Amino acid sequence: MTASLIRAELFGIAVAFNGRSSSALFAHGFKILFKHYFITENMKEAGENMS
């Protein structure tokens, strides 16, 4: 997963939640996205260390 793809995901979630204007939903989505991002980054680093 590339950084640009993650940015596109972030933007998409921001746009999707903007219509609802629910801060709780937005915070929840943001938390999931950040968890997903950090897991992806850690896996990328692990893969580089193994090679």
PDB file of N, CA and C in Angstrom:
ATOM      1  N   MET A   1       0.855  -1.201   0.000  1.00  0.00           N
ATOM      2  CA  MET A   1       0.000   0.000   0.000  1.00  0.00           C
ATOM      3  C   MET A   1       0.884   1.241   0.000  1.00  0.00           C
ATOM      4  N   THR A   2       0.709   2.080  -0.994  1.00  0.00           N
ATOM      5  CA  THR A   2       1.551   3.260  -1.116  1.00  0.00           C
ATOM      6  C   THR A   2       0.972   4.427  -0.332  1.00  0.00           C
ATOM      7  N   ALA A   3       1.821   5.419  -0.073  1.00  0.00           N
ATOM      8  CA  ALA A   3       1.388   6.590   0.692  1.00  0.00           C
ATOM      9  C   ALA A   3       0.282   7.341  -0.036  1.00  0.00           C
ATOM     10  N   SER A   4       0.386   7.405  -1.370  1.00  0.00           N
ATOM     11  CA  SER A   4      -0.636   8.129  -2.137  1.00  0.00           C
ATOM     12  C   SER A   4      -1.987   7.432  -2.036  1.00  0.00           C
ATOM     13  N   LEU A   5      -1.961   6.104  -1.989  1.00  0.00           N
ATOM     14  CA  LEU A   5      -3.203   5.346  -1.854  1.00  0.00           C
ATOM     15  C   LEU A   5      -3.820   5.596  -0.481  1.00  0.00           C
ATOM     16  N   ILE A   6      -2.973   5.661   0.540  1.00  0.00           N
ATOM     17  CA  ILE A   6      -3.452   5.943   1.897  1.00  0.00           C
ATOM     18  C   ILE A   6      -4.058   7.346   1.951  1.00  0.00           C
ATOM     19  N   ARG A   7      -3.400   8.306   1.275  1.00  0.00           N
ATOM     20  CA  ARG A   7      -3.938   9.667   1.237  1.00  0.00           C
ATOM     21  C   ARG A   7      -5.296   9.690   0.542  1.00  0.00           C
ATOM     22  N   ALA A   8      -5.425   8.920  -0.520  1.00  0.00           N
ATOM     23  CA  ALA A   8      -6.694   8.845  -1.241  1.00  0.00           C
ATOM     24  C   ALA A   8      -7.779   8.255  -0.340  1.00  0.00           C
ATOM     25  N   GLU A   9      -7.411   7.247   0.438  1.00  0.00           N
ATOM     26  CA  GLU A   9      -8.337   6.629   1.399  1.00  0.00           C
ATOM     27  C   GLU A   9      -8.775   7.651   2.441  1.00  0.00           C
ATOM     28  N   LEU A  10      -7.805   8.377   2.977  1.00  0.00           N
ATOM     29  CA  LEU A  10      -8.087   9.415   3.974  1.00  0.00           C
ATOM     30  C   LEU A  10      -9.063  10.431   3.417  1.00  0.00           C
ATOM     31  N   PHE A  11      -8.789  10.884   2.200  1.00  0.00           N
ATOM     32  CA  PHE A  11      -9.639  11.882   1.560  1.00  0.00           C
ATOM     33  C   PHE A  11     -11.043  11.331   1.347  1.00  0.00           C
ATOM     34  N   GLY A  12     -11.124  10.094   0.891  1.00  0.00           N
ATOM     35  CA  GLY A  12     -12.423   9.463   0.658  1.00  0.00           C
ATOM     36  C   GLY A  12     -13.238   9.358   1.932  1.00  0.00           C
ATOM     37  N   ILE A  13     -12.582   8.976   3.023  1.00  0.00           N
ATOM     38  CA  ILE A  13     -13.284   8.864   4.308  1.00  0.00           C
ATOM     39  C   ILE A  13     -13.731  10.242   4.781  1.00  0.00           C
ATOM     40  N   ALA A  14     -12.860  11.240   4.615  1.00  0.00           N
ATOM     41  CA  ALA A  14     -13.202  12.605   5.027  1.00  0.00           C
ATOM     42  C   ALA A  14     -14.434  13.094   4.263  1.00  0.00           C
ATOM     43  N   VAL A  15     -14.446  12.844   2.949  1.00  0.00           N
ATOM     44  CA  VAL A  15     -15.579  13.262   2.121  1.00  0.00           C
ATOM     45  C   VAL A  15     -16.851  12.508   2.525  1.00  0.00           C
ATOM     46  N   ALA A  16     -16.712  11.201   2.752  1.00  0.00           N
ATOM     47  CA  ALA A  16     -17.868  10.375   3.095  1.00  0.00           C
ATOM     48  C   ALA A  16     -18.491  10.817   4.419  1.00  0.00           C
ATOM     49  N   PHE A  17     -17.656  11.115   5.408  1.00  0.00           N
ATOM     50  CA  PHE A  17     -18.181  11.479   6.719  1.00  0.00           C
ATOM     51  C   PHE A  17     -18.578  12.948   6.793  1.00  0.00           C
ATOM     52  N   ASN A  18     -18.062  13.742   5.857  1.00  0.00           N
ATOM     53  CA  ASN A  18     -18.355  15.177   5.881  1.00  0.00           C
ATOM     54  C   ASN A  18     -19.850  15.440   5.746  1.00  0.00           C
ATOM     55  N   GLY A  19     -20.520  14.649   4.905  1.00  0.00           N
ATOM     56  CA  GLY A  19     -21.948  14.817   4.699  1.00  0.00           C
ATOM     57  C   GLY A  19     -22.748  14.545   5.958  1.00  0.00           C
ATOM     58  N   ARG A  20     -22.293  13.614   6.754  1.00  0.00           N
ATOM     59  CA  ARG A  20     -23.018  13.234   7.978  1.00  0.00           C
ATOM     60  C   ARG A  20     -22.666  14.163   9.134  1.00  0.00           C
ATOM     61  N   SER A  21     -21.475  14.739   9.067  1.00  0.00           N
ATOM     62  CA  SER A  21     -20.955  15.620  10.116  1.00  0.00           C
ATOM     63  C   SER A  21     -21.107  14.996  11.504  1.00  0.00           C
ATOM     64  N   SER A  22     -20.743  13.732  11.616  1.00  0.00           N
ATOM     65  CA  SER A  22     -20.766  13.057  12.904  1.00  0.00           C
ATOM     66  C   SER A  22     -19.333  12.868  13.367  1.00  0.00           C
ATOM     67  N   SER A  23     -18.928  13.607  14.364  1.00  0.00           N
ATOM     68  CA  SER A  23     -17.542  13.565  14.814  1.00  0.00           C
ATOM     69  C   SER A  23     -17.176  12.199  15.401  1.00  0.00           C
ATOM     70  N   ALA A  24     -18.163  11.533  16.007  1.00  0.00           N
ATOM     71  CA  ALA A  24     -17.906  10.220  16.584  1.00  0.00           C
ATOM     72  C   ALA A  24     -17.575   9.208  15.482  1.00  0.00           C
ATOM     73  N   LEU A  25     -18.366   9.230  14.411  1.00  0.00           N
ATOM     74  CA  LEU A  25     -18.131   8.344  13.273  1.00  0.00           C
ATOM     75  C   LEU A  25     -16.783   8.654  12.650  1.00  0.00           C
ATOM     76  N   PHE A  26     -16.486   9.929  12.497  1.00  0.00           N
ATOM     77  CA  PHE A  26     -15.238  10.346  11.871  1.00  0.00           C
ATOM     78  C   PHE A  26     -14.047   9.872  12.697  1.00  0.00           C
ATOM     79  N   ALA A  27     -14.136  10.065  14.006  1.00  0.00           N
ATOM     80  CA  ALA A  27     -13.052   9.646  14.896  1.00  0.00           C
ATOM     81  C   ALA A  27     -12.846   8.140  14.816  1.00  0.00           C
ATOM     82  N   HIS A  28     -13.940   7.396  14.758  1.00  0.00           N
ATOM     83  CA  HIS A  28     -13.872   5.937  14.672  1.00  0.00           C
ATOM     84  C   HIS A  28     -13.192   5.517  13.367  1.00  0.00           C
ATOM     85  N   GLY A  29     -13.608   6.105  12.257  1.00  0.00           N
ATOM     86  CA  GLY A  29     -13.008   5.803  10.962  1.00  0.00           C
ATOM     87  C   GLY A  29     -11.534   6.167  10.936  1.00  0.00           C
ATOM     88  N   PHE A  30     -11.211   7.285  11.561  1.00  0.00           N
ATOM     89  CA  PHE A  30      -9.828   7.757  11.596  1.00  0.00           C
ATOM     90  C   PHE A  30      -8.951   6.787  12.372  1.00  0.00           C
ATOM     91  N   LYS A  31      -9.482   6.298  13.498  1.00  0.00           N
ATOM     92  CA  LYS A  31      -8.748   5.348  14.333  1.00  0.00           C
ATOM     93  C   LYS A  31      -8.442   4.076  13.545  1.00  0.00           C
ATOM     94  N   ILE A  32      -9.453   3.568  12.843  1.00  0.00           N
ATOM     95  CA  ILE A  32      -9.284   2.357  12.039  1.00  0.00           C
ATOM     96  C   ILE A  32      -8.236   2.586  10.953  1.00  0.00           C
ATOM     97  N   LEU A  33      -8.319   3.749  10.306  1.00  0.00           N
ATOM     98  CA  LEU A  33      -7.393   4.046   9.218  1.00  0.00           C
ATOM     99  C   LEU A  33      -5.965   4.147   9.738  1.00  0.00           C
ATOM    100  N   PHE A  34      -5.784   4.804  10.889  1.00  0.00           N
ATOM    101  CA  PHE A  34      -4.448   4.932  11.452  1.00  0.00           C
ATOM    102  C   PHE A  34      -3.871   3.572  11.843  1.00  0.00           C
ATOM    103  N   LYS A  35      -4.712   2.728  12.435  1.00  0.00           N
ATOM    104  CA  LYS A  35      -4.278   1.379  12.806  1.00  0.00           C
ATOM    105  C   LYS A  35      -3.838   0.634  11.559  1.00  0.00           C
ATOM    106  N   HIS A  36      -4.651   0.736  10.503  1.00  0.00           N
ATOM    107  CA  HIS A  36      -4.362   0.097   9.220  1.00  0.00           C
ATOM    108  C   HIS A  36      -3.039   0.623   8.656  1.00  0.00           C
ATOM    109  N   TYR A  37      -2.836   1.933   8.752  1.00  0.00           N
ATOM    110  CA  TYR A  37      -1.626   2.560   8.218  1.00  0.00           C
ATOM    111  C   TYR A  37      -0.389   2.063   8.958  1.00  0.00           C
ATOM    112  N   PHE A  38      -0.434   2.053  10.285  1.00  0.00           N
ATOM    113  CA  PHE A  38       0.735   1.653  11.064  1.00  0.00           C
ATOM    114  C   PHE A  38       1.053   0.176  10.883  1.00  0.00           C
ATOM    115  N   ILE A  39       0.021  -0.663  10.795  1.00  0.00           N
ATOM    116  CA  ILE A  39       0.243  -2.093  10.546  1.00  0.00           C
ATOM    117  C   ILE A  39       0.917  -2.271   9.190  1.00  0.00           C
ATOM    118  N   THR A  40       0.454  -1.532   8.185  1.00  0.00           N
ATOM    119  CA  THR A  40       1.017  -1.618   6.837  1.00  0.00           C
ATOM    120  C   THR A  40       2.473  -1.181   6.843  1.00  0.00           C
ATOM    121  N   GLU A  41       2.762  -0.076   7.534  1.00  0.00           N
ATOM    122  CA  GLU A  41       4.132   0.433   7.599  1.00  0.00           C
ATOM    123  C   GLU A  41       5.044  -0.571   8.301  1.00  0.00           C
ATOM    124  N   ASN A  42       4.562  -1.175   9.383  1.00  0.00           N
ATOM    125  CA  ASN A  42       5.359  -2.160  10.122  1.00  0.00           C
ATOM    126  C   ASN A  42       5.639  -3.389   9.268  1.00  0.00           C
ATOM    127  N   MET A  43       4.650  -3.824   8.498  1.00  0.00           N
ATOM    128  CA  MET A  43       4.829  -4.981   7.622  1.00  0.00           C
ATOM    129  C   MET A  43       5.835  -4.658   6.526  1.00  0.00           C
ATOM    130  N   LYS A  44       5.792  -3.434   6.019  1.00  0.00           N
ATOM    131  CA  LYS A  44       6.713  -3.004   4.967  1.00  0.00           C
ATOM    132  C   LYS A  44       8.147  -3.035   5.510  1.00  0.00           C
ATOM    133  N   GLU A  45       8.328  -2.524   6.722  1.00  0.00           N
ATOM    134  CA  GLU A  45       9.655  -2.510   7.343  1.00  0.00           C
ATOM    135  C   GLU A  45      10.140  -3.932   7.599  1.00  0.00           C
ATOM    136  N   ALA A  46       9.250  -4.793   8.071  1.00  0.00           N
ATOM    137  CA  ALA A  46       9.622  -6.184   8.333  1.00  0.00           C
ATOM    138  C   ALA A  46      10.062  -6.864   7.042  1.00  0.00           C
ATOM    139  N   GLY A  47       9.337  -6.587   5.961  1.00  0.00           N
ATOM    140  CA  GLY A  47       9.680  -7.172   4.668  1.00  0.00           C
ATOM    141  C   GLY A  47      11.041  -6.709   4.187  1.00  0.00           C
ATOM    142  N   GLU A  48      11.356  -5.429   4.427  1.00  0.00           N
ATOM    143  CA  GLU A  48      12.653  -4.894   4.008  1.00  0.00           C
ATOM    144  C   GLU A  48      13.774  -5.496   4.843  1.00  0.00           C
ATOM    145  N   ASN A  49      13.506  -5.725   6.116  1.00  0.00           N
ATOM    146  CA  ASN A  49      14.526  -6.294   6.994  1.00  0.00           C
ATOM    147  C   ASN A  49      14.833  -7.748   6.641  1.00  0.00           C
ATOM    148  N   MET A  50      13.811  -8.462   6.160  1.00  0.00           N
ATOM    149  CA  MET A  50      13.978  -9.875   5.826  1.00  0.00           C
ATOM    150  C   MET A  50      14.776 -10.061   4.540  1.00  0.00           C
ATOM    151  N   SER A  51      14.627  -9.154   3.593  1.00  0.00           N
ATOM    152  CA  SER A  51      15.299  -9.303   2.304  1.00  0.00           C
ATOM    153  C   SER A  51      16.776  -8.949   2.392  1.00  0.00           C
TER     154      SER A  51
END
